[in-house]
Amino acid sequence: MDGRHTLSVAEGILMALRRYGQTDAFDELLRVAHRHHLSVLAVAHALVDLATNAYPPLGSPDRHADPTASLAEWESRLV
């Protein structure tokens, strides 16, 4: 999945999960990324991974930087 598609899917997840508009969904991705010192794309990838139960798991060196702490606020609603 390329970066734009990943961001779009992550926004869609938040739009469904939180009933946000697209701008609010992107703003939440930005807030989480800033709060945890990650890129927006890393947070978006992690959210999509979490929502789709992707393998390899979050935090795997084969995936991306460990964003698991940044996902705690979404995890309970997705799992």
N, C-alpha and C. Protein backbone atom coordinates (compact mmCIF):
# COMPACT_ATOMS: atom_id res chain seq x y z
N MET A 1 0.85 -1.17 0.00
CA MET A 1 0.00 0.00 0.00
C MET A 1 0.90 1.24 0.00
N ASP A 2 0.65 2.17 -0.88
CA ASP A 2 1.47 3.38 -0.88
C ASP A 2 1.00 4.34 0.22
N GLY A 3 1.79 5.38 0.46
CA GLY A 3 1.53 6.30 1.57
C GLY A 3 0.18 6.98 1.52
N ARG A 4 -0.19 7.48 0.34
CA ARG A 4 -1.49 8.17 0.23
C ARG A 4 -2.65 7.24 0.50
N HIS A 5 -2.54 6.03 -0.03
CA HIS A 5 -3.61 5.05 0.19
C HIS A 5 -3.70 4.67 1.66
N THR A 6 -2.56 4.47 2.29
CA THR A 6 -2.53 4.13 3.72
C THR A 6 -3.18 5.24 4.54
N LEU A 7 -2.83 6.49 4.25
CA LEU A 7 -3.44 7.62 4.97
C LEU A 7 -4.94 7.66 4.77
N SER A 8 -5.37 7.42 3.54
CA SER A 8 -6.79 7.43 3.24
C SER A 8 -7.54 6.33 3.99
N VAL A 9 -6.96 5.14 4.03
CA VAL A 9 -7.59 4.03 4.75
C VAL A 9 -7.63 4.33 6.25
N ALA A 10 -6.53 4.85 6.81
CA ALA A 10 -6.49 5.19 8.23
C ALA A 10 -7.53 6.26 8.56
N GLU A 11 -7.65 7.26 7.70
CA GLU A 11 -8.68 8.28 7.90
C GLU A 11 -10.06 7.65 7.89
N GLY A 12 -10.30 6.75 6.95
CA GLY A 12 -11.59 6.07 6.87
C GLY A 12 -11.90 5.27 8.12
N ILE A 13 -10.89 4.64 8.68
CA ILE A 13 -11.08 3.88 9.92
C ILE A 13 -11.52 4.83 11.04
N LEU A 14 -10.84 5.95 11.16
CA LEU A 14 -11.20 6.92 12.20
C LEU A 14 -12.55 7.57 11.93
N MET A 15 -12.87 7.78 10.67
CA MET A 15 -14.17 8.35 10.32
C MET A 15 -15.29 7.40 10.77
N ALA A 16 -15.08 6.11 10.59
CA ALA A 16 -16.09 5.13 11.01
C ALA A 16 -16.08 4.95 12.52
N LEU A 17 -14.89 4.88 13.09
CA LEU A 17 -14.74 4.62 14.52
C LEU A 17 -15.23 5.77 15.37
N ARG A 18 -14.85 6.98 14.99
CA ARG A 18 -15.15 8.17 15.79
C ARG A 18 -16.25 9.05 15.20
N ARG A 19 -16.72 8.66 14.01
CA ARG A 19 -17.71 9.46 13.28
C ARG A 19 -17.18 10.87 12.99
N TYR A 20 -15.91 10.90 12.60
CA TYR A 20 -15.24 12.14 12.23
C TYR A 20 -15.46 12.44 10.75
N GLY A 21 -15.25 13.70 10.40
CA GLY A 21 -15.07 14.06 9.01
C GLY A 21 -13.62 13.79 8.65
N GLN A 22 -13.29 13.91 7.37
CA GLN A 22 -11.93 13.61 6.92
C GLN A 22 -10.89 14.50 7.59
N THR A 23 -11.19 15.78 7.73
CA THR A 23 -10.24 16.71 8.35
C THR A 23 -9.97 16.34 9.79
N ASP A 24 -11.02 16.02 10.54
CA ASP A 24 -10.85 15.63 11.94
C ASP A 24 -10.07 14.33 12.06
N ALA A 25 -10.30 13.40 11.16
CA ALA A 25 -9.58 12.13 11.18
C ALA A 25 -8.08 12.37 10.95
N PHE A 26 -7.75 13.18 9.96
CA PHE A 26 -6.34 13.48 9.71
C PHE A 26 -5.73 14.23 10.88
N ASP A 27 -6.48 15.15 11.47
CA ASP A 27 -5.98 15.89 12.64
C ASP A 27 -5.67 14.95 13.79
N GLU A 28 -6.50 13.93 13.99
CA GLU A 28 -6.21 12.96 15.05
C GLU A 28 -4.94 12.18 14.75
N LEU A 29 -4.76 11.77 13.51
CA LEU A 29 -3.52 11.09 13.14
C LEU A 29 -2.31 11.98 13.42
N LEU A 30 -2.43 13.25 13.10
CA LEU A 30 -1.34 14.20 13.37
C LEU A 30 -1.07 14.33 14.87
N ARG A 31 -2.13 14.48 15.66
CA ARG A 31 -1.97 14.62 17.12
C ARG A 31 -1.27 13.40 17.71
N VAL A 32 -1.71 12.23 17.30
CA VAL A 32 -1.11 11.00 17.83
C VAL A 32 0.35 10.91 17.40
N ALA A 33 0.62 11.23 16.16
CA ALA A 33 2.00 11.19 15.66
C ALA A 33 2.90 12.16 16.44
N HIS A 34 2.43 13.36 16.65
CA HIS A 34 3.23 14.35 17.40
C HIS A 34 3.42 13.92 18.84
N ARG A 35 2.36 13.44 19.46
CA ARG A 35 2.42 13.04 20.87
C ARG A 35 3.43 11.91 21.09
N HIS A 36 3.57 11.04 20.11
CA HIS A 36 4.45 9.88 20.27
C HIS A 36 5.73 9.97 19.45
N HIS A 37 5.98 11.15 18.87
CA HIS A 37 7.21 11.40 18.11
C HIS A 37 7.40 10.40 16.97
N LEU A 38 6.31 10.18 16.22
CA LEU A 38 6.33 9.31 15.06
C LEU A 38 5.86 10.09 13.85
N SER A 39 6.11 9.55 12.68
CA SER A 39 5.58 10.19 11.48
C SER A 39 4.09 9.85 11.36
N VAL A 40 3.37 10.70 10.67
CA VAL A 40 1.94 10.45 10.44
C VAL A 40 1.77 9.14 9.68
N LEU A 41 2.65 8.88 8.75
CA LEU A 41 2.56 7.65 7.97
C LEU A 41 2.78 6.41 8.84
N ALA A 42 3.71 6.47 9.78
CA ALA A 42 3.94 5.33 10.68
C ALA A 42 2.69 5.06 11.53
N VAL A 43 2.06 6.12 12.01
CA VAL A 43 0.84 5.97 12.80
C VAL A 43 -0.29 5.42 11.93
N ALA A 44 -0.40 5.93 10.71
CA ALA A 44 -1.44 5.45 9.79
C ALA A 44 -1.24 3.97 9.48
N HIS A 45 0.00 3.57 9.18
CA HIS A 45 0.29 2.16 8.92
C HIS A 45 -0.08 1.30 10.13
N ALA A 46 0.29 1.77 11.30
CA ALA A 46 0.01 0.99 12.51
C ALA A 46 -1.49 0.86 12.75
N LEU A 47 -2.24 1.92 12.51
CA LEU A 47 -3.69 1.85 12.69
C LEU A 47 -4.32 0.89 11.68
N VAL A 48 -3.89 0.96 10.45
CA VAL A 48 -4.40 0.04 9.43
C VAL A 48 -4.03 -1.40 9.79
N ASP A 49 -2.80 -1.62 10.24
CA ASP A 49 -2.37 -2.95 10.67
C ASP A 49 -3.26 -3.47 11.79
N LEU A 50 -3.50 -2.62 12.77
CA LEU A 50 -4.32 -3.01 13.90
C LEU A 50 -5.74 -3.35 13.46
N ALA A 51 -6.31 -2.52 12.62
CA ALA A 51 -7.69 -2.72 12.17
C ALA A 51 -7.85 -3.95 11.28
N THR A 52 -6.80 -4.30 10.56
CA THR A 52 -6.89 -5.43 9.62
C THR A 52 -6.21 -6.69 10.14
N ASN A 53 -5.71 -6.61 11.37
CA ASN A 53 -5.02 -7.75 11.97
C ASN A 53 -3.86 -8.21 11.09
N ALA A 54 -3.08 -7.27 10.63
CA ALA A 54 -2.00 -7.54 9.68
C ALA A 54 -0.88 -8.37 10.30
N TYR A 55 -0.19 -9.06 9.45
CA TYR A 55 0.98 -9.82 9.85
C TYR A 55 2.12 -9.45 8.92
N PRO A 56 3.33 -9.24 9.38
CA PRO A 56 3.84 -9.37 10.73
C PRO A 56 3.21 -8.36 11.67
N PRO A 57 3.25 -8.65 12.97
CA PRO A 57 2.56 -7.81 13.95
C PRO A 57 3.19 -6.44 14.12
N LEU A 58 2.44 -5.56 14.75
CA LEU A 58 2.95 -4.22 15.08
C LEU A 58 4.26 -4.33 15.83
N GLY A 59 5.17 -3.43 15.53
CA GLY A 59 6.45 -3.40 16.21
C GLY A 59 7.47 -4.36 15.63
N SER A 60 7.07 -5.20 14.70
CA SER A 60 8.01 -6.12 14.09
C SER A 60 9.03 -5.34 13.28
N PRO A 61 10.30 -5.72 13.34
CA PRO A 61 11.29 -5.01 12.54
C PRO A 61 11.00 -5.13 11.04
N ASP A 62 10.21 -6.13 10.66
CA ASP A 62 9.85 -6.29 9.26
C ASP A 62 8.75 -5.32 8.84
N ARG A 63 8.18 -4.61 9.77
CA ARG A 63 7.04 -3.73 9.49
C ARG A 63 7.47 -2.27 9.45
N HIS A 64 7.66 -1.67 10.60
CA HIS A 64 8.03 -0.26 10.72
C HIS A 64 8.40 0.01 12.16
N ALA A 65 8.75 1.25 12.47
CA ALA A 65 9.12 1.61 13.83
C ALA A 65 7.99 1.24 14.79
N ASP A 66 8.34 0.96 16.03
CA ASP A 66 7.37 0.49 17.02
C ASP A 66 6.39 1.59 17.42
N PRO A 67 5.18 1.57 16.86
CA PRO A 67 4.17 2.58 17.20
C PRO A 67 3.13 2.08 18.18
N THR A 68 3.38 0.95 18.84
CA THR A 68 2.34 0.32 19.64
C THR A 68 1.80 1.22 20.75
N ALA A 69 2.65 2.00 21.37
CA ALA A 69 2.17 2.88 22.44
C ALA A 69 1.19 3.91 21.90
N SER A 70 1.38 4.34 20.69
CA SER A 70 0.51 5.36 20.11
C SER A 70 -0.87 4.82 19.78
N LEU A 71 -1.02 3.50 19.77
CA LEU A 71 -2.30 2.91 19.36
C LEU A 71 -3.20 2.53 20.53
N ALA A 72 -2.74 2.70 21.74
CA ALA A 72 -3.53 2.29 22.90
C ALA A 72 -4.91 2.93 22.90
N GLU A 73 -4.99 4.18 22.45
CA GLU A 73 -6.28 4.86 22.46
C GLU A 73 -7.27 4.32 21.43
N TRP A 74 -6.78 3.58 20.43
CA TRP A 74 -7.68 2.99 19.42
C TRP A 74 -7.90 1.50 19.66
N GLU A 75 -6.90 0.85 20.25
CA GLU A 75 -6.90 -0.60 20.31
C GLU A 75 -8.15 -1.19 20.95
N SER A 76 -8.60 -0.65 22.05
CA SER A 76 -9.74 -1.22 22.75
C SER A 76 -11.02 -1.16 21.92
N ARG A 77 -11.09 -0.24 20.99
CA ARG A 77 -12.28 -0.12 20.15
C ARG A 77 -12.21 -0.95 18.89
N LEU A 78 -11.01 -1.42 18.54
CA LEU A 78 -10.83 -2.19 17.31
C LEU A 78 -10.70 -3.68 17.54
N VAL A 79 -10.27 -4.07 18.72
CA VAL A 79 -10.01 -5.48 18.99
C VAL A 79 -11.23 -6.14 19.58
